[in-house]
Amino acid sequence: MDETSYFKNVDASNIENEQTTRDYFNLNMEPVVVEGNTVYVLVDQWWRGIDSKDFGSLPQKEIQGKVIGYSK
């Protein structure tokens, strides 16, 4: 979802800091190459989590759990 769509569709009361959110949409990131048998994990609440942007790709063999649902 791009910045315009985000601010159009998300309830403003759920946005803790609008400028920080806008800064995130304008974050420039180098392309990432995800090697075989690894995954690149992104946190869903970027303002209070760490993810592969911080620690890199994870080997699939290190991941535990099971998928209980997904949407296309």
PDB file of N, CA and C in Angstrom:
ATOM      1  N   MET A   1       0.854  -1.162   0.000  1.00  0.00           N
ATOM      2  CA  MET A   1       0.000   0.000   0.000  1.00  0.00           C
ATOM      3  C   MET A   1       0.907   1.234   0.000  1.00  0.00           C
ATOM      4  N   ASP A   2       0.628   2.164  -0.867  1.00  0.00           N
ATOM      5  CA  ASP A   2       1.440   3.374  -0.902  1.00  0.00           C
ATOM      6  C   ASP A   2       0.954   4.375   0.156  1.00  0.00           C
ATOM      7  N   GLU A   3       1.718   5.433   0.314  1.00  0.00           N
ATOM      8  CA  GLU A   3       1.434   6.425   1.361  1.00  0.00           C
ATOM      9  C   GLU A   3       0.043   7.036   1.230  1.00  0.00           C
ATOM     10  N   THR A   4      -0.339   7.436   0.029  1.00  0.00           N
ATOM     11  CA  THR A   4      -1.649   8.059  -0.178  1.00  0.00           C
ATOM     12  C   THR A   4      -2.774   7.103   0.195  1.00  0.00           C
ATOM     13  N   SER A   5      -2.685   5.869  -0.270  1.00  0.00           N
ATOM     14  CA  SER A   5      -3.709   4.869   0.053  1.00  0.00           C
ATOM     15  C   SER A   5      -3.759   4.593   1.548  1.00  0.00           C
ATOM     16  N   TYR A   6      -2.599   4.528   2.161  1.00  0.00           N
ATOM     17  CA  TYR A   6      -2.544   4.260   3.602  1.00  0.00           C
ATOM     18  C   TYR A   6      -3.324   5.317   4.379  1.00  0.00           C
ATOM     19  N   PHE A   7      -3.018   6.583   4.144  1.00  0.00           N
ATOM     20  CA  PHE A   7      -3.675   7.656   4.896  1.00  0.00           C
ATOM     21  C   PHE A   7      -5.148   7.798   4.522  1.00  0.00           C
ATOM     22  N   LYS A   8      -5.510   7.353   3.338  1.00  0.00           N
ATOM     23  CA  LYS A   8      -6.911   7.390   2.929  1.00  0.00           C
ATOM     24  C   LYS A   8      -7.718   6.282   3.608  1.00  0.00           C
ATOM     25  N   ASN A   9      -7.108   5.120   3.815  1.00  0.00           N
ATOM     26  CA  ASN A   9      -7.834   3.941   4.280  1.00  0.00           C
ATOM     27  C   ASN A   9      -7.674   3.599   5.758  1.00  0.00           C
ATOM     28  N   VAL A  10      -6.671   4.127   6.418  1.00  0.00           N
ATOM     29  CA  VAL A  10      -6.435   3.779   7.821  1.00  0.00           C
ATOM     30  C   VAL A  10      -7.097   4.805   8.729  1.00  0.00           C
ATOM     31  N   ASP A  11      -7.744   4.311   9.761  1.00  0.00           N
ATOM     32  CA  ASP A  11      -8.379   5.172  10.758  1.00  0.00           C
ATOM     33  C   ASP A  11      -7.306   6.052  11.408  1.00  0.00           C
ATOM     34  N   ALA A  12      -7.461   7.346  11.333  1.00  0.00           N
ATOM     35  CA  ALA A  12      -6.468   8.291  11.856  1.00  0.00           C
ATOM     36  C   ALA A  12      -6.188   8.081  13.339  1.00  0.00           C
ATOM     37  N   SER A  13      -7.157   7.568  14.084  1.00  0.00           N
ATOM     38  CA  SER A  13      -6.929   7.345  15.514  1.00  0.00           C
ATOM     39  C   SER A  13      -5.926   6.216  15.758  1.00  0.00           C
ATOM     40  N   ASN A  14      -5.626   5.426  14.732  1.00  0.00           N
ATOM     41  CA  ASN A  14      -4.635   4.352  14.853  1.00  0.00           C
ATOM     42  C   ASN A  14      -3.225   4.808  14.493  1.00  0.00           C
ATOM     43  N   ILE A  15      -3.082   6.052  14.084  1.00  0.00           N
ATOM     44  CA  ILE A  15      -1.774   6.588  13.700  1.00  0.00           C
ATOM     45  C   ILE A  15      -1.221   7.373  14.881  1.00  0.00           C
ATOM     46  N   GLU A  16      -0.186   6.808  15.499  1.00  0.00           N
ATOM     47  CA  GLU A  16       0.381   7.424  16.696  1.00  0.00           C
ATOM     48  C   GLU A  16       1.093   8.737  16.383  1.00  0.00           C
ATOM     49  N   ASN A  17       1.865   8.765  15.306  1.00  0.00           N
ATOM     50  CA  ASN A  17       2.620   9.957  14.941  1.00  0.00           C
ATOM     51  C   ASN A  17       2.636  10.053  13.414  1.00  0.00           C
ATOM     52  N   GLU A  18       1.860  10.975  12.873  1.00  0.00           N
ATOM     53  CA  GLU A  18       1.711  11.061  11.418  1.00  0.00           C
ATOM     54  C   GLU A  18       3.032  11.340  10.720  1.00  0.00           C
ATOM     55  N   GLN A  19       3.848  12.241  11.243  1.00  0.00           N
ATOM     56  CA  GLN A  19       5.102  12.566  10.562  1.00  0.00           C
ATOM     57  C   GLN A  19       6.048  11.370  10.538  1.00  0.00           C
ATOM     58  N   THR A  20       6.128  10.634  11.631  1.00  0.00           N
ATOM     59  CA  THR A  20       6.972   9.441  11.663  1.00  0.00           C
ATOM     60  C   THR A  20       6.490   8.425  10.635  1.00  0.00           C
ATOM     61  N   THR A  21       5.180   8.288  10.509  1.00  0.00           N
ATOM     62  CA  THR A  21       4.611   7.369   9.524  1.00  0.00           C
ATOM     63  C   THR A  21       4.950   7.829   8.115  1.00  0.00           C
ATOM     64  N   ARG A  22       4.836   9.118   7.850  1.00  0.00           N
ATOM     65  CA  ARG A  22       5.192   9.642   6.521  1.00  0.00           C
ATOM     66  C   ARG A  22       6.683   9.439   6.242  1.00  0.00           C
ATOM     67  N   ASP A  23       7.516   9.631   7.252  1.00  0.00           N
ATOM     68  CA  ASP A  23       8.953   9.401   7.089  1.00  0.00           C
ATOM     69  C   ASP A  23       9.231   7.953   6.698  1.00  0.00           C
ATOM     70  N   TYR A  24       8.484   7.018   7.301  1.00  0.00           N
ATOM     71  CA  TYR A  24       8.664   5.601   6.991  1.00  0.00           C
ATOM     72  C   TYR A  24       8.356   5.327   5.520  1.00  0.00           C
ATOM     73  N   PHE A  25       7.308   5.935   4.994  1.00  0.00           N
ATOM     74  CA  PHE A  25       6.968   5.728   3.586  1.00  0.00           C
ATOM     75  C   PHE A  25       8.043   6.283   2.661  1.00  0.00           C
ATOM     76  N   ASN A  26       8.809   7.234   3.128  1.00  0.00           N
ATOM     77  CA  ASN A  26       9.851   7.832   2.307  1.00  0.00           C
ATOM     78  C   ASN A  26      11.233   7.261   2.604  1.00  0.00           C
ATOM     79  N   LEU A  27      11.260   6.174   3.365  1.00  0.00           N
ATOM     80  CA  LEU A  27      12.505   5.498   3.688  1.00  0.00           C
ATOM     81  C   LEU A  27      13.070   4.851   2.430  1.00  0.00           C
ATOM     82  N   ASN A  28      14.298   5.155   2.120  1.00  0.00           N
ATOM     83  CA  ASN A  28      14.958   4.537   0.972  1.00  0.00           C
ATOM     84  C   ASN A  28      15.764   3.350   1.461  1.00  0.00           C
ATOM     85  N   MET A  29      15.584   2.243   0.799  1.00  0.00           N
ATOM     86  CA  MET A  29      16.258   1.018   1.197  1.00  0.00           C
ATOM     87  C   MET A  29      16.865   0.386  -0.040  1.00  0.00           C
ATOM     88  N   GLU A  30      18.082  -0.047   0.085  1.00  0.00           N
ATOM     89  CA  GLU A  30      18.746  -0.728  -1.023  1.00  0.00           C
ATOM     90  C   GLU A  30      18.007  -2.032  -1.327  1.00  0.00           C
ATOM     91  N   PRO A  31      18.038  -2.476  -2.580  1.00  0.00           N
ATOM     92  CA  PRO A  31      17.432  -3.773  -2.902  1.00  0.00           C
ATOM     93  C   PRO A  31      18.065  -4.883  -2.057  1.00  0.00           C
ATOM     94  N   VAL A  32      17.268  -5.865  -1.725  1.00  0.00           N
ATOM     95  CA  VAL A  32      17.721  -6.979  -0.897  1.00  0.00           C
ATOM     96  C   VAL A  32      17.685  -8.257  -1.721  1.00  0.00           C
ATOM     97  N   VAL A  33      18.766  -9.005  -1.685  1.00  0.00           N
ATOM     98  CA  VAL A  33      18.808 -10.314  -2.320  1.00  0.00           C
ATOM     99  C   VAL A  33      18.620 -11.346  -1.213  1.00  0.00           C
ATOM    100  N   VAL A  34      17.579 -12.143  -1.344  1.00  0.00           N
ATOM    101  CA  VAL A  34      17.303 -13.179  -0.353  1.00  0.00           C
ATOM    102  C   VAL A  34      17.845 -14.495  -0.909  1.00  0.00           C
ATOM    103  N   GLU A  35      18.862 -14.998  -0.253  1.00  0.00           N
ATOM    104  CA  GLU A  35      19.523 -16.225  -0.704  1.00  0.00           C
ATOM    105  C   GLU A  35      18.600 -17.433  -0.527  1.00  0.00           C
ATOM    106  N   GLY A  36      18.924 -18.513  -1.208  1.00  0.00           N
ATOM    107  CA  GLY A  36      18.144 -19.739  -1.094  1.00  0.00           C
ATOM    108  C   GLY A  36      18.065 -20.235   0.342  1.00  0.00           C
ATOM    109  N   ASN A  37      16.946 -20.822   0.685  1.00  0.00           N
ATOM    110  CA  ASN A  37      16.705 -21.391   2.010  1.00  0.00           C
ATOM    111  C   ASN A  37      16.754 -20.368   3.140  1.00  0.00           C
ATOM    112  N   THR A  38      16.497 -19.105   2.811  1.00  0.00           N
ATOM    113  CA  THR A  38      16.390 -18.062   3.830  1.00  0.00           C
ATOM    114  C   THR A  38      15.109 -17.270   3.592  1.00  0.00           C
ATOM    115  N   VAL A  39      14.702 -16.531   4.595  1.00  0.00           N
ATOM    116  CA  VAL A  39      13.539 -15.650   4.472  1.00  0.00           C
ATOM    117  C   VAL A  39      13.916 -14.268   4.987  1.00  0.00           C
ATOM    118  N   TYR A  40      13.244 -13.277   4.465  1.00  0.00           N
ATOM    119  CA  TYR A  40      13.430 -11.890   4.885  1.00  0.00           C
ATOM    120  C   TYR A  40      12.147 -11.488   5.599  1.00  0.00           C
ATOM    121  N   VAL A  41      12.242 -11.262   6.893  1.00  0.00           N
ATOM    122  CA  VAL A  41      11.072 -11.040   7.737  1.00  0.00           C
ATOM    123  C   VAL A  41      10.894  -9.552   8.008  1.00  0.00           C
ATOM    124  N   LEU A  42       9.660  -9.062   7.796  1.00  0.00           N
ATOM    125  CA  LEU A  42       9.344  -7.672   8.114  1.00  0.00           C
ATOM    126  C   LEU A  42       8.292  -7.637   9.212  1.00  0.00           C
ATOM    127  N   VAL A  43       8.553  -6.833  10.218  1.00  0.00           N
ATOM    128  CA  VAL A  43       7.630  -6.688  11.342  1.00  0.00           C
ATOM    129  C   VAL A  43       6.378  -5.946  10.880  1.00  0.00           C
ATOM    130  N   ASP A  44       5.228  -6.288  11.429  1.00  0.00           N
ATOM    131  CA  ASP A  44       3.997  -5.630  10.998  1.00  0.00           C
ATOM    132  C   ASP A  44       3.781  -4.288  11.688  1.00  0.00           C
ATOM    133  N   GLN A  45       4.399  -4.072  12.829  1.00  0.00           N
ATOM    134  CA  GLN A  45       4.307  -2.777  13.507  1.00  0.00           C
ATOM    135  C   GLN A  45       5.720  -2.200  13.582  1.00  0.00           C
ATOM    136  N   TRP A  46       6.146  -1.602  12.488  1.00  0.00           N
ATOM    137  CA  TRP A  46       7.524  -1.175  12.301  1.00  0.00           C
ATOM    138  C   TRP A  46       8.026  -0.210  13.357  1.00  0.00           C
ATOM    139  N   TRP A  47       7.140   0.549  13.987  1.00  0.00           N
ATOM    140  CA  TRP A  47       7.583   1.559  14.945  1.00  0.00           C
ATOM    141  C   TRP A  47       7.969   0.959  16.289  1.00  0.00           C
ATOM    142  N   ARG A  48       7.663  -0.333  16.511  1.00  0.00           N
ATOM    143  CA  ARG A  48       8.040  -0.916  17.795  1.00  0.00           C
ATOM    144  C   ARG A  48       8.541  -2.350  17.654  1.00  0.00           C
ATOM    145  N   GLY A  49       9.265  -2.611  16.605  1.00  0.00           N
ATOM    146  CA  GLY A  49       9.788  -3.953  16.420  1.00  0.00           C
ATOM    147  C   GLY A  49      11.094  -3.934  15.655  1.00  0.00           C
ATOM    148  N   ILE A  50      11.731  -5.078  15.604  1.00  0.00           N
ATOM    149  CA  ILE A  50      12.939  -5.243  14.792  1.00  0.00           C
ATOM    150  C   ILE A  50      12.670  -6.373  13.804  1.00  0.00           C
ATOM    151  N   ASP A  51      13.359  -6.330  12.692  1.00  0.00           N
ATOM    152  CA  ASP A  51      13.125  -7.324  11.653  1.00  0.00           C
ATOM    153  C   ASP A  51      14.383  -7.516  10.822  1.00  0.00           C
ATOM    154  N   SER A  52      14.235  -8.101   9.653  1.00  0.00           N
ATOM    155  CA  SER A  52      15.398  -8.389   8.816  1.00  0.00           C
ATOM    156  C   SER A  52      16.130  -7.138   8.347  1.00  0.00           C
ATOM    157  N   LYS A  53      15.479  -5.980   8.397  1.00  0.00           N
ATOM    158  CA  LYS A  53      16.215  -4.744   8.097  1.00  0.00           C
ATOM    159  C   LYS A  53      17.302  -4.529   9.142  1.00  0.00           C
ATOM    160  N   ASP A  54      17.082  -5.050  10.345  1.00  0.00           N
ATOM    161  CA  ASP A  54      18.042  -4.907  11.442  1.00  0.00           C
ATOM    162  C   ASP A  54      19.025  -6.077  11.529  1.00  0.00           C
ATOM    163  N   PHE A  55      18.551  -7.314  11.328  1.00  0.00           N
ATOM    164  CA  PHE A  55      19.408  -8.477  11.555  1.00  0.00           C
ATOM    165  C   PHE A  55      19.643  -9.347  10.326  1.00  0.00           C
ATOM    166  N   GLY A  56      19.100  -8.985   9.177  1.00  0.00           N
ATOM    167  CA  GLY A  56      19.338  -9.744   7.953  1.00  0.00           C
ATOM    168  C   GLY A  56      18.390 -10.917   7.773  1.00  0.00           C
ATOM    169  N   SER A  57      18.631 -11.682   6.737  1.00  0.00           N
ATOM    170  CA  SER A  57      17.788 -12.840   6.424  1.00  0.00           C
ATOM    171  C   SER A  57      17.964 -13.936   7.469  1.00  0.00           C
ATOM    172  N   LEU A  58      16.920 -14.751   7.610  1.00  0.00           N
ATOM    173  CA  LEU A  58      16.953 -15.876   8.549  1.00  0.00           C
ATOM    174  C   LEU A  58      16.985 -17.194   7.782  1.00  0.00           C
ATOM    175  N   PRO A  59      17.803 -18.140   8.230  1.00  0.00           N
ATOM    176  CA  PRO A  59      17.775 -19.467   7.615  1.00  0.00           C
ATOM    177  C   PRO A  59      16.428 -20.139   7.896  1.00  0.00           C
ATOM    178  N   GLN A  60      15.831 -20.749   6.878  1.00  0.00           N
ATOM    179  CA  GLN A  60      14.537 -21.410   7.065  1.00  0.00           C
ATOM    180  C   GLN A  60      14.589 -22.466   8.157  1.00  0.00           C
ATOM    181  N   LYS A  61      15.713 -23.157   8.279  1.00  0.00           N
ATOM    182  CA  LYS A  61      15.816 -24.227   9.278  1.00  0.00           C
ATOM    183  C   LYS A  61      15.757 -23.697  10.711  1.00  0.00           C
ATOM    184  N   GLU A  62      15.946 -22.391  10.900  1.00  0.00           N
ATOM    185  CA  GLU A  62      15.896 -21.789  12.236  1.00  0.00           C
ATOM    186  C   GLU A  62      14.489 -21.363  12.639  1.00  0.00           C
ATOM    187  N   ILE A  63      13.539 -21.441  11.721  1.00  0.00           N
ATOM    188  CA  ILE A  63      12.183 -20.956  11.980  1.00  0.00           C
ATOM    189  C   ILE A  63      11.324 -22.096  12.511  1.00  0.00           C
ATOM    190  N   GLN A  64      10.622 -21.814  13.604  1.00  0.00           N
ATOM    191  CA  GLN A  64       9.724 -22.803  14.196  1.00  0.00           C
ATOM    192  C   GLN A  64       8.309 -22.253  14.189  1.00  0.00           C
ATOM    193  N   GLY A  65       7.334 -23.122  14.028  1.00  0.00           N
ATOM    194  CA  GLY A  65       5.937 -22.712  14.039  1.00  0.00           C
ATOM    195  C   GLY A  65       5.199 -23.323  12.875  1.00  0.00           C
ATOM    196  N   LYS A  66       3.932 -22.959  12.748  1.00  0.00           N
ATOM    197  CA  LYS A  66       3.147 -23.439  11.623  1.00  0.00           C
ATOM    198  C   LYS A  66       2.210 -22.334  11.166  1.00  0.00           C
ATOM    199  N   VAL A  67       1.908 -22.336   9.885  1.00  0.00           N
ATOM    200  CA  VAL A  67       1.000 -21.352   9.308  1.00  0.00           C
ATOM    201  C   VAL A  67      -0.416 -21.738   9.712  1.00  0.00           C
ATOM    202  N   ILE A  68      -1.143 -20.788  10.278  1.00  0.00           N
ATOM    203  CA  ILE A  68      -2.531 -21.064  10.653  1.00  0.00           C
ATOM    204  C   ILE A  68      -3.508 -20.319   9.760  1.00  0.00           C
ATOM    205  N   GLY A  69      -2.992 -19.536   8.833  1.00  0.00           N
ATOM    206  CA  GLY A  69      -3.843 -18.839   7.883  1.00  0.00           C
ATOM    207  C   GLY A  69      -3.058 -17.796   7.114  1.00  0.00           C
ATOM    208  N   TYR A  70      -3.591 -17.408   5.997  1.00  0.00           N
ATOM    209  CA  TYR A  70      -2.998 -16.351   5.184  1.00  0.00           C
ATOM    210  C   TYR A  70      -4.056 -15.827   4.233  1.00  0.00           C
ATOM    211  N   SER A  71      -3.806 -14.674   3.669  1.00  0.00           N
ATOM    212  CA  SER A  71      -4.719 -14.127   2.666  1.00  0.00           C
ATOM    213  C   SER A  71      -3.915 -13.769   1.437  1.00  0.00           C
ATOM    214  N   LYS A  72      -4.565 -13.821   0.302  1.00  0.00           N
ATOM    215  CA  LYS A  72      -3.888 -13.513  -0.959  1.00  0.00           C
ATOM    216  C   LYS A  72      -4.060 -12.062  -1.302  1.00  0.00           C
TER     217      LYS A  72
END
